[in-house]
Amino acid sequence: MLTLFSTWGCHLCDDAQALLEHSGAAFQVVDIVDDEQAMALFRTEIPVVYGAGLLLKWPFDAAVLAEFIAAVQSAGEQGE
């Protein structure tokens, strides 16, 4: 499962979430305001997508996201 690090009121985060929804990938949203460690790591970089130890930082489009999802799936299969 992917994690989208974002926060309320971030229009870029809304765009990233829409891309993830359109991709069909399973993901959860973590608001960095509610996660002290995420806030420290990503406060100036959101939106950020995380999966299988890999990070995808904004800006990205549907094609780049698809490549990232494939890399996450590959990394997950290797880790099993």
PDB file of N, CA and C in Angstrom:
ATOM      1  N   MET A   1       0.849  -1.180   0.000  1.00  0.00           N
ATOM      2  CA  MET A   1       0.000   0.000   0.000  1.00  0.00           C
ATOM      3  C   MET A   1       0.894   1.244   0.000  1.00  0.00           C
ATOM      4  N   LEU A   2       0.463   2.245  -0.729  1.00  0.00           N
ATOM      5  CA  LEU A   2       1.178   3.514  -0.790  1.00  0.00           C
ATOM      6  C   LEU A   2       0.666   4.448   0.302  1.00  0.00           C
ATOM      7  N   THR A   3       1.503   5.397   0.656  1.00  0.00           N
ATOM      8  CA  THR A   3       1.111   6.450   1.599  1.00  0.00           C
ATOM      9  C   THR A   3       1.333   7.793   0.927  1.00  0.00           C
ATOM     10  N   LEU A   4       0.308   8.627   0.976  1.00  0.00           N
ATOM     11  CA  LEU A   4       0.406   9.999   0.493  1.00  0.00           C
ATOM     12  C   LEU A   4       0.534  10.907   1.704  1.00  0.00           C
ATOM     13  N   PHE A   5       1.672  11.569   1.823  1.00  0.00           N
ATOM     14  CA  PHE A   5       1.861  12.558   2.877  1.00  0.00           C
ATOM     15  C   PHE A   5       1.387  13.900   2.334  1.00  0.00           C
ATOM     16  N   SER A   6       0.447  14.502   3.043  1.00  0.00           N
ATOM     17  CA  SER A   6      -0.153  15.755   2.583  1.00  0.00           C
ATOM     18  C   SER A   6      -0.649  16.527   3.787  1.00  0.00           C
ATOM     19  N   THR A   7      -1.399  17.589   3.524  1.00  0.00           N
ATOM     20  CA  THR A   7      -2.071  18.311   4.592  1.00  0.00           C
ATOM     21  C   THR A   7      -3.297  19.010   4.028  1.00  0.00           C
ATOM     22  N   TRP A   8      -4.181  19.370   4.908  1.00  0.00           N
ATOM     23  CA  TRP A   8      -5.424  20.027   4.523  1.00  0.00           C
ATOM     24  C   TRP A   8      -5.112  21.387   3.899  1.00  0.00           C
ATOM     25  N   GLY A   9      -5.823  21.715   2.831  1.00  0.00           N
ATOM     26  CA  GLY A   9      -5.682  23.009   2.193  1.00  0.00           C
ATOM     27  C   GLY A   9      -4.541  23.101   1.190  1.00  0.00           C
ATOM     28  N   CYS A  10      -3.899  22.004   0.909  1.00  0.00           N
ATOM     29  CA  CYS A  10      -2.777  21.976  -0.032  1.00  0.00           C
ATOM     30  C   CYS A  10      -3.319  21.551  -1.400  1.00  0.00           C
ATOM     31  N   HIS A  11      -3.397  22.502  -2.345  1.00  0.00           N
ATOM     32  CA  HIS A  11      -3.981  22.160  -3.650  1.00  0.00           C
ATOM     33  C   HIS A  11      -3.104  21.177  -4.423  1.00  0.00           C
ATOM     34  N   LEU A  12      -1.806  21.211  -4.233  1.00  0.00           N
ATOM     35  CA  LEU A  12      -0.937  20.228  -4.890  1.00  0.00           C
ATOM     36  C   LEU A  12      -1.192  18.828  -4.332  1.00  0.00           C
ATOM     37  N   CYS A  13      -1.470  18.770  -3.030  1.00  0.00           N
ATOM     38  CA  CYS A  13      -1.799  17.484  -2.406  1.00  0.00           C
ATOM     39  C   CYS A  13      -3.111  16.935  -2.969  1.00  0.00           C
ATOM     40  N   ASP A  14      -4.067  17.821  -3.204  1.00  0.00           N
ATOM     41  CA  ASP A  14      -5.330  17.409  -3.816  1.00  0.00           C
ATOM     42  C   ASP A  14      -5.084  16.849  -5.215  1.00  0.00           C
ATOM     43  N   ASP A  15      -4.192  17.492  -5.963  1.00  0.00           N
ATOM     44  CA  ASP A  15      -3.848  17.009  -7.308  1.00  0.00           C
ATOM     45  C   ASP A  15      -3.191  15.636  -7.233  1.00  0.00           C
ATOM     46  N   ALA A  16      -2.273  15.465  -6.296  1.00  0.00           N
ATOM     47  CA  ALA A  16      -1.598  14.175  -6.133  1.00  0.00           C
ATOM     48  C   ALA A  16      -2.590  13.091  -5.741  1.00  0.00           C
ATOM     49  N   GLN A  17      -3.520  13.411  -4.849  1.00  0.00           N
ATOM     50  CA  GLN A  17      -4.525  12.435  -4.440  1.00  0.00           C
ATOM     51  C   GLN A  17      -5.405  12.039  -5.619  1.00  0.00           C
ATOM     52  N   ALA A  18      -5.768  12.998  -6.450  1.00  0.00           N
ATOM     53  CA  ALA A  18      -6.585  12.689  -7.636  1.00  0.00           C
ATOM     54  C   ALA A  18      -5.827  11.757  -8.581  1.00  0.00           C
ATOM     55  N   LEU A  19      -4.529  11.998  -8.762  1.00  0.00           N
ATOM     56  CA  LEU A  19      -3.724  11.109  -9.607  1.00  0.00           C
ATOM     57  C   LEU A  19      -3.674   9.702  -9.026  1.00  0.00           C
ATOM     58  N   LEU A  20      -3.503   9.600  -7.710  1.00  0.00           N
ATOM     59  CA  LEU A  20      -3.479   8.284  -7.070  1.00  0.00           C
ATOM     60  C   LEU A  20      -4.826   7.576  -7.218  1.00  0.00           C
ATOM     61  N   GLU A  21      -5.912   8.309  -7.008  1.00  0.00           N
ATOM     62  CA  GLU A  21      -7.244   7.715  -7.162  1.00  0.00           C
ATOM     63  C   GLU A  21      -7.440   7.215  -8.582  1.00  0.00           C
ATOM     64  N   HIS A  22      -7.017   7.998  -9.553  1.00  0.00           N
ATOM     65  CA  HIS A  22      -7.156   7.626 -10.955  1.00  0.00           C
ATOM     66  C   HIS A  22      -6.296   6.402 -11.297  1.00  0.00           C
ATOM     67  N   SER A  23      -5.164   6.237 -10.611  1.00  0.00           N
ATOM     68  CA  SER A  23      -4.261   5.113 -10.886  1.00  0.00           C
ATOM     69  C   SER A  23      -4.841   3.783 -10.443  1.00  0.00           C
ATOM     70  N   GLY A  24      -5.758   3.822  -9.472  1.00  0.00           N
ATOM     71  CA  GLY A  24      -6.333   2.590  -8.946  1.00  0.00           C
ATOM     72  C   GLY A  24      -5.480   1.922  -7.878  1.00  0.00           C
ATOM     73  N   ALA A  25      -4.345   2.520  -7.542  1.00  0.00           N
ATOM     74  CA  ALA A  25      -3.467   1.954  -6.521  1.00  0.00           C
ATOM     75  C   ALA A  25      -4.082   2.145  -5.137  1.00  0.00           C
ATOM     76  N   ALA A  26      -3.841   1.170  -4.266  1.00  0.00           N
ATOM     77  CA  ALA A  26      -4.290   1.292  -2.882  1.00  0.00           C
ATOM     78  C   ALA A  26      -3.366   2.268  -2.168  1.00  0.00           C
ATOM     79  N   PHE A  27      -3.974   3.220  -1.445  1.00  0.00           N
ATOM     80  CA  PHE A  27      -3.164   4.191  -0.718  1.00  0.00           C
ATOM     81  C   PHE A  27      -3.918   4.712   0.489  1.00  0.00           C
ATOM     82  N   GLN A  28      -3.143   5.219   1.429  1.00  0.00           N
ATOM     83  CA  GLN A  28      -3.703   5.911   2.577  1.00  0.00           C
ATOM     84  C   GLN A  28      -3.145   7.324   2.584  1.00  0.00           C
ATOM     85  N   VAL A  29      -3.875   8.223   3.198  1.00  0.00           N
ATOM     86  CA  VAL A  29      -3.434   9.611   3.292  1.00  0.00           C
ATOM     87  C   VAL A  29      -3.025   9.879   4.738  1.00  0.00           C
ATOM     88  N   VAL A  30      -1.832  10.439   4.910  1.00  0.00           N
ATOM     89  CA  VAL A  30      -1.350  10.839   6.230  1.00  0.00           C
ATOM     90  C   VAL A  30      -1.167  12.354   6.209  1.00  0.00           C
ATOM     91  N   ASP A  31      -1.895  13.025   7.096  1.00  0.00           N
ATOM     92  CA  ASP A  31      -1.753  14.472   7.231  1.00  0.00           C
ATOM     93  C   ASP A  31      -0.528  14.723   8.095  1.00  0.00           C
ATOM     94  N   ILE A  32       0.443  15.438   7.551  1.00  0.00           N
ATOM     95  CA  ILE A  32       1.693  15.638   8.280  1.00  0.00           C
ATOM     96  C   ILE A  32       1.496  16.414   9.580  1.00  0.00           C
ATOM     97  N   VAL A  33       0.405  17.145   9.693  1.00  0.00           N
ATOM     98  CA  VAL A  33       0.113  17.871  10.929  1.00  0.00           C
ATOM     99  C   VAL A  33      -0.111  16.888  12.077  1.00  0.00           C
ATOM    100  N   ASP A  34      -0.614  15.696  11.745  1.00  0.00           N
ATOM    101  CA  ASP A  34      -0.913  14.686  12.753  1.00  0.00           C
ATOM    102  C   ASP A  34       0.243  13.718  12.995  1.00  0.00           C
ATOM    103  N   ASP A  35       1.359  13.908  12.319  1.00  0.00           N
ATOM    104  CA  ASP A  35       2.480  12.975  12.417  1.00  0.00           C
ATOM    105  C   ASP A  35       3.777  13.779  12.558  1.00  0.00           C
ATOM    106  N   GLU A  36       4.297  13.834  13.770  1.00  0.00           N
ATOM    107  CA  GLU A  36       5.462  14.673  14.069  1.00  0.00           C
ATOM    108  C   GLU A  36       6.669  14.335  13.188  1.00  0.00           C
ATOM    109  N   GLN A  37       6.916  13.045  12.988  1.00  0.00           N
ATOM    110  CA  GLN A  37       8.060  12.640  12.166  1.00  0.00           C
ATOM    111  C   GLN A  37       7.849  13.050  10.706  1.00  0.00           C
ATOM    112  N   ALA A  38       6.653  12.846  10.179  1.00  0.00           N
ATOM    113  CA  ALA A  38       6.355  13.245   8.802  1.00  0.00           C
ATOM    114  C   ALA A  38       6.475  14.759   8.648  1.00  0.00           C
ATOM    115  N   MET A  39       6.035  15.498   9.645  1.00  0.00           N
ATOM    116  CA  MET A  39       6.152  16.960   9.594  1.00  0.00           C
ATOM    117  C   MET A  39       7.613  17.368   9.499  1.00  0.00           C
ATOM    118  N   ALA A  40       8.451  16.744  10.296  1.00  0.00           N
ATOM    119  CA  ALA A  40       9.881  17.075  10.285  1.00  0.00           C
ATOM    120  C   ALA A  40      10.515  16.739   8.931  1.00  0.00           C
ATOM    121  N   LEU A  41      10.080  15.647   8.329  1.00  0.00           N
ATOM    122  CA  LEU A  41      10.671  15.200   7.066  1.00  0.00           C
ATOM    123  C   LEU A  41      10.141  15.949   5.843  1.00  0.00           C
ATOM    124  N   PHE A  42       8.844  16.219   5.818  1.00  0.00           N
ATOM    125  CA  PHE A  42       8.208  16.639   4.573  1.00  0.00           C
ATOM    126  C   PHE A  42       7.537  18.007   4.611  1.00  0.00           C
ATOM    127  N   ARG A  43       7.734  18.781   5.644  1.00  0.00           N
ATOM    128  CA  ARG A  43       6.959  20.022   5.807  1.00  0.00           C
ATOM    129  C   ARG A  43       7.051  20.952   4.611  1.00  0.00           C
ATOM    130  N   THR A  44       8.179  20.978   3.892  1.00  0.00           N
ATOM    131  CA  THR A  44       8.315  21.862   2.733  1.00  0.00           C
ATOM    132  C   THR A  44       8.289  21.100   1.413  1.00  0.00           C
ATOM    133  N   GLU A  45       7.992  19.800   1.469  1.00  0.00           N
ATOM    134  CA  GLU A  45       8.087  18.980   0.254  1.00  0.00           C
ATOM    135  C   GLU A  45       6.786  18.304  -0.159  1.00  0.00           C
ATOM    136  N   ILE A  46       5.710  18.454   0.619  1.00  0.00           N
ATOM    137  CA  ILE A  46       4.477  17.750   0.274  1.00  0.00           C
ATOM    138  C   ILE A  46       3.908  18.276  -1.035  1.00  0.00           C
ATOM    139  N   PRO A  47       3.214  17.439  -1.760  1.00  0.00           N
ATOM    140  CA  PRO A  47       2.887  16.054  -1.472  1.00  0.00           C
ATOM    141  C   PRO A  47       4.044  15.102  -1.776  1.00  0.00           C
ATOM    142  N   VAL A  48       4.096  14.033  -0.995  1.00  0.00           N
ATOM    143  CA  VAL A  48       5.094  12.985  -1.166  1.00  0.00           C
ATOM    144  C   VAL A  48       4.367  11.652  -1.101  1.00  0.00           C
ATOM    145  N   VAL A  49       4.702  10.755  -2.024  1.00  0.00           N
ATOM    146  CA  VAL A  49       4.145   9.407  -2.020  1.00  0.00           C
ATOM    147  C   VAL A  49       5.254   8.454  -1.585  1.00  0.00           C
ATOM    148  N   TYR A  50       4.908   7.537  -0.674  1.00  0.00           N
ATOM    149  CA  TYR A  50       5.871   6.577  -0.138  1.00  0.00           C
ATOM    150  C   TYR A  50       5.355   5.165  -0.356  1.00  0.00           C
ATOM    151  N   GLY A  51       6.268   4.275  -0.681  1.00  0.00           N
ATOM    152  CA  GLY A  51       5.929   2.860  -0.781  1.00  0.00           C
ATOM    153  C   GLY A  51       7.182   2.019  -0.904  1.00  0.00           C
ATOM    154  N   ALA A  52       7.263   0.934  -0.158  1.00  0.00           N
ATOM    155  CA  ALA A  52       8.361  -0.033  -0.227  1.00  0.00           C
ATOM    156  C   ALA A  52       9.736   0.631  -0.098  1.00  0.00           C
ATOM    157  N   GLY A  53       9.820   1.638   0.765  1.00  0.00           N
ATOM    158  CA  GLY A  53      11.087   2.309   0.987  1.00  0.00           C
ATOM    159  C   GLY A  53      11.444   3.358  -0.052  1.00  0.00           C
ATOM    160  N   LEU A  54      10.553   3.602  -0.994  1.00  0.00           N
ATOM    161  CA  LEU A  54      10.791   4.562  -2.072  1.00  0.00           C
ATOM    162  C   LEU A  54       9.930   5.808  -1.871  1.00  0.00           C
ATOM    163  N   LEU A  55      10.472   6.963  -2.260  1.00  0.00           N
ATOM    164  CA  LEU A  55       9.741   8.229  -2.166  1.00  0.00           C
ATOM    165  C   LEU A  55       9.570   8.843  -3.544  1.00  0.00           C
ATOM    166  N   LEU A  56       8.399   9.398  -3.787  1.00  0.00           N
ATOM    167  CA  LEU A  56       8.134  10.176  -4.992  1.00  0.00           C
ATOM    168  C   LEU A  56       7.678  11.552  -4.535  1.00  0.00           C
ATOM    169  N   LYS A  57       8.490  12.567  -4.844  1.00  0.00           N
ATOM    170  CA  LYS A  57       8.183  13.930  -4.424  1.00  0.00           C
ATOM    171  C   LYS A  57       7.589  14.709  -5.592  1.00  0.00           C
ATOM    172  N   TRP A  58       6.710  15.621  -5.251  1.00  0.00           N
ATOM    173  CA  TRP A  58       6.085  16.495  -6.239  1.00  0.00           C
ATOM    174  C   TRP A  58       7.152  17.378  -6.860  1.00  0.00           C
ATOM    175  N   PRO A  59       7.093  17.672  -8.149  1.00  0.00           N
ATOM    176  CA  PRO A  59       5.985  17.440  -9.078  1.00  0.00           C
ATOM    177  C   PRO A  59       6.092  16.086  -9.785  1.00  0.00           C
ATOM    178  N   PHE A  60       4.929  15.499 -10.048  1.00  0.00           N
ATOM    179  CA  PHE A  60       4.845  14.292 -10.862  1.00  0.00           C
ATOM    180  C   PHE A  60       3.506  14.277 -11.579  1.00  0.00           C
ATOM    181  N   ASP A  61       3.479  13.526 -12.683  1.00  0.00           N
ATOM    182  CA  ASP A  61       2.239  13.390 -13.440  1.00  0.00           C
ATOM    183  C   ASP A  61       1.834  11.925 -13.434  1.00  0.00           C
ATOM    184  N   ALA A  62       0.786  11.584 -14.167  1.00  0.00           N
ATOM    185  CA  ALA A  62       0.266  10.220 -14.166  1.00  0.00           C
ATOM    186  C   ALA A  62       1.305   9.223 -14.669  1.00  0.00           C
ATOM    187  N   ALA A  63       2.086   9.597 -15.677  1.00  0.00           N
ATOM    188  CA  ALA A  63       3.090   8.687 -16.224  1.00  0.00           C
ATOM    189  C   ALA A  63       4.201   8.407 -15.213  1.00  0.00           C
ATOM    190  N   VAL A  64       4.677   9.446 -14.552  1.00  0.00           N
ATOM    191  CA  VAL A  64       5.727   9.282 -13.541  1.00  0.00           C
ATOM    192  C   VAL A  64       5.188   8.473 -12.360  1.00  0.00           C
ATOM    193  N   LEU A  65       3.950   8.732 -11.964  1.00  0.00           N
ATOM    194  CA  LEU A  65       3.331   7.976 -10.877  1.00  0.00           C
ATOM    195  C   LEU A  65       3.214   6.506 -11.249  1.00  0.00           C
ATOM    196  N   ALA A  66       2.833   6.210 -12.479  1.00  0.00           N
ATOM    197  CA  ALA A  66       2.720   4.817 -12.920  1.00  0.00           C
ATOM    198  C   ALA A  66       4.074   4.115 -12.841  1.00  0.00           C
ATOM    199  N   GLU A  67       5.141   4.795 -13.233  1.00  0.00           N
ATOM    200  CA  GLU A  67       6.487   4.218 -13.130  1.00  0.00           C
ATOM    201  C   GLU A  67       6.850   3.973 -11.669  1.00  0.00           C
ATOM    202  N   PHE A  68       6.497   4.911 -10.808  1.00  0.00           N
ATOM    203  CA  PHE A  68       6.778   4.763  -9.382  1.00  0.00           C
ATOM    204  C   PHE A  68       6.018   3.571  -8.803  1.00  0.00           C
ATOM    205  N   ILE A  69       4.751   3.439  -9.144  1.00  0.00           N
ATOM    206  CA  ILE A  69       3.938   2.322  -8.649  1.00  0.00           C
ATOM    207  C   ILE A  69       4.547   0.992  -9.103  1.00  0.00           C
ATOM    208  N   ALA A  70       4.998   0.927 -10.352  1.00  0.00           N
ATOM    209  CA  ALA A  70       5.639  -0.295 -10.856  1.00  0.00           C
ATOM    210  C   ALA A  70       6.916  -0.591 -10.072  1.00  0.00           C
ATOM    211  N   ALA A  71       7.693   0.442  -9.758  1.00  0.00           N
ATOM    212  CA  ALA A  71       8.927   0.258  -8.985  1.00  0.00           C
ATOM    213  C   ALA A  71       8.609  -0.222  -7.571  1.00  0.00           C
ATOM    214  N   VAL A  72       7.558   0.324  -6.964  1.00  0.00           N
ATOM    215  CA  VAL A  72       7.144  -0.094  -5.623  1.00  0.00           C
ATOM    216  C   VAL A  72       6.707  -1.549  -5.648  1.00  0.00           C
ATOM    217  N   GLN A  73       5.929  -1.920  -6.651  1.00  0.00           N
ATOM    218  CA  GLN A  73       5.473  -3.311  -6.750  1.00  0.00           C
ATOM    219  C   GLN A  73       6.643  -4.251  -6.951  1.00  0.00           C
ATOM    220  N   SER A  74       7.595  -3.866  -7.764  1.00  0.00           N
ATOM    221  CA  SER A  74       8.786  -4.680  -7.985  1.00  0.00           C
ATOM    222  C   SER A  74       9.594  -4.817  -6.709  1.00  0.00           C
ATOM    223  N   ALA A  75       9.781  -3.713  -5.994  1.00  0.00           N
ATOM    224  CA  ALA A  75      10.527  -3.743  -4.735  1.00  0.00           C
ATOM    225  C   ALA A  75       9.802  -4.601  -3.708  1.00  0.00           C
ATOM    226  N   GLY A  76       8.483  -4.528  -3.690  1.00  0.00           N
ATOM    227  CA  GLY A  76       7.697  -5.339  -2.761  1.00  0.00           C
ATOM    228  C   GLY A  76       7.806  -6.814  -3.045  1.00  0.00           C
ATOM    229  N   GLU A  77       7.834  -7.179  -4.323  1.00  0.00           N
ATOM    230  CA  GLU A  77       7.977  -8.578  -4.705  1.00  0.00           C
ATOM    231  C   GLU A  77       9.357  -9.116  -4.339  1.00  0.00           C
ATOM    232  N   GLN A  78      10.373  -8.293  -4.466  1.00  0.00           N
ATOM    233  CA  GLN A  78      11.733  -8.699  -4.119  1.00  0.00           C
ATOM    234  C   GLN A  78      11.895  -8.843  -2.616  1.00  0.00           C
ATOM    235  N   GLY A  79      11.124  -8.062  -1.874  1.00  0.00           N
ATOM    236  CA  GLY A  79      11.215  -8.104  -0.426  1.00  0.00           C
ATOM    237  C   GLY A  79      10.445  -9.234   0.220  1.00  0.00           C
ATOM    238  N   GLU A  80       9.644  -9.936  -0.547  1.00  0.00           N
ATOM    239  CA  GLU A  80       8.813 -11.020   0.007  1.00  0.00           C
ATOM    240  C   GLU A  80       9.605 -12.282   0.198  1.00  0.00           C
TER     241      GLU A  80
END
